[in-house]
Protein backbone atom coordinates (compact mmCIF):
# COMPACT_ATOMS: atom_id res chain seq x y z
CA UNK A 1 -13.71 11.19 21.55
CA UNK A 2 -15.63 11.11 18.30
CA UNK A 3 -14.67 8.49 15.72
CA UNK A 4 -12.83 9.42 12.52
CA UNK A 5 -13.76 9.06 8.84
CA UNK A 6 -11.41 7.66 6.22
CA UNK A 7 -11.42 11.06 4.49
CA UNK A 8 -10.25 12.87 7.63
CA UNK A 9 -7.55 10.30 8.40
CA UNK A 10 -6.28 10.29 4.80
CA UNK A 11 -6.07 14.11 4.74
CA UNK A 12 -4.22 14.23 8.04
CA UNK A 13 -1.77 11.48 7.03
CA UNK A 14 -1.16 13.24 3.69
CA UNK A 15 -0.28 16.42 5.63
CA UNK A 16 2.32 14.41 7.53
CA UNK A 17 0.60 14.67 10.91
CA UNK A 18 2.03 12.38 13.54
CA UNK A 19 -0.89 10.16 14.49
CA UNK A 20 -0.70 6.86 16.33
CA UNK A 21 -2.57 4.38 14.11
CA UNK A 22 -3.05 0.77 15.20
CA UNK A 23 -4.41 -2.02 13.00
CA UNK A 24 -6.23 -4.70 15.03
CA UNK A 25 -6.77 -7.15 12.18
CA UNK A 26 -5.06 -10.51 11.77
CA UNK A 27 -1.58 -10.84 10.18
CA UNK A 28 -2.92 -12.32 6.93
CA UNK A 29 -5.32 -9.36 6.52
CA UNK A 30 -2.47 -6.94 7.16
CA UNK A 31 -0.28 -8.74 4.62
CA UNK A 32 -3.02 -8.43 1.98
CA UNK A 33 -3.49 -4.67 2.46
CA UNK A 34 -2.32 -2.13 5.01
CA UNK A 35 -1.79 1.60 5.41
CA UNK A 36 1.40 1.31 7.45
CA UNK A 37 -0.18 1.21 10.89
CA UNK A 38 1.27 -0.91 13.66
CA UNK A 39 -0.31 -4.36 13.68
CA UNK A 40 -1.64 -5.57 17.03
CA UNK A 41 -4.34 -8.22 16.46
CA UNK A 42 -7.38 -7.82 18.68
CA UNK A 43 -6.71 -11.20 20.32
CA UNK A 44 -3.44 -9.89 21.78
CA UNK A 45 -4.41 -6.24 22.02
CA UNK A 46 -4.90 -5.94 25.79
CA UNK A 47 -1.45 -7.44 26.41
CA UNK A 48 0.15 -4.57 24.45
CA UNK A 49 -1.59 -1.64 26.15
CA UNK A 50 1.27 -1.02 28.57
CA UNK A 51 3.40 -0.07 25.55
CA UNK A 52 1.14 2.95 25.10
CA UNK A 53 1.01 4.13 28.74
CA UNK A 54 2.86 7.32 27.81
CA UNK A 55 0.19 8.08 25.20
CA UNK A 56 -2.94 7.95 27.38
CA UNK A 57 -3.81 11.53 26.43
CA UNK A 58 -2.62 11.40 22.81
CA UNK A 59 -4.90 10.78 19.87
CA UNK A 60 -4.88 7.13 18.85
CA UNK A 61 -6.74 5.84 15.78
CA UNK A 62 -7.72 2.17 15.66
CA UNK A 63 -8.82 0.34 12.55
CA UNK A 64 -9.78 -3.10 11.30
CA UNK A 65 -11.58 -4.49 8.26
CA UNK A 66 -14.99 -2.89 8.85
CA UNK A 67 -14.80 -1.03 12.16
CA UNK A 68 -16.25 -3.66 14.49
CA UNK A 69 -13.04 -5.09 15.99
CA UNK A 70 -11.52 -1.64 16.28
CA UNK A 71 -14.66 -0.47 18.13
CA UNK A 72 -14.02 -3.28 20.63
CA UNK A 73 -10.36 -2.25 20.92
CA UNK A 74 -11.48 1.35 21.51
CA UNK A 75 -13.71 0.20 24.39
CA UNK A 76 -10.75 -1.67 25.90
CA UNK A 77 -8.51 1.42 25.70
CA UNK A 78 -11.14 3.79 27.09
CA UNK A 79 -11.75 1.41 30.01
CA UNK A 80 -8.00 1.58 30.73
CA UNK A 81 -8.02 5.38 30.89
CA UNK A 82 -7.05 6.38 27.35
CA UNK A 83 -8.79 9.67 26.58
CA UNK A 84 -8.48 10.33 22.83
CA UNK A 85 -9.17 7.02 21.12
CA UNK A 86 -10.90 7.09 17.74
CA UNK A 87 -12.28 4.27 15.61
CA UNK A 88 -11.86 4.47 11.83
CA UNK A 89 -15.43 4.34 10.53
CA UNK A 90 -15.83 1.73 7.80
CA UNK A 91 -12.31 0.39 8.31
CA UNK A 92 -10.18 -0.88 5.46
CA UNK A 93 -13.26 -1.74 3.40
CA UNK A 94 -14.19 1.95 3.26
CA UNK A 95 -10.55 3.02 2.79
CA UNK A 96 -10.03 0.67 -0.17
CA UNK A 97 -13.37 1.66 -1.73
CA UNK A 98 -12.33 5.33 -1.68
CA UNK A 99 -8.57 5.23 -2.16
CA UNK A 100 -7.83 1.84 -3.70
């Protein structure tokens, strides 16, 4: 599935759409700034995939600081059979630059 821009995600969240959003940054990064996503650091990410087994065909948006770690997490999910995984392009750097 194609990745998602910060503008698209922001619009969809503002509309109240139910989207699974996972933050793969470290706890200290999350504490500094977050958008309310569930925190699962990339280092422990694979161990938590079974929690999302019932969502293999649901849209899941992954994000990190810049988009690199979340791209890795996306690869992990796709390899495990998840079909609608999207990476937030530009990550929290882009989000903060646009929305503060």
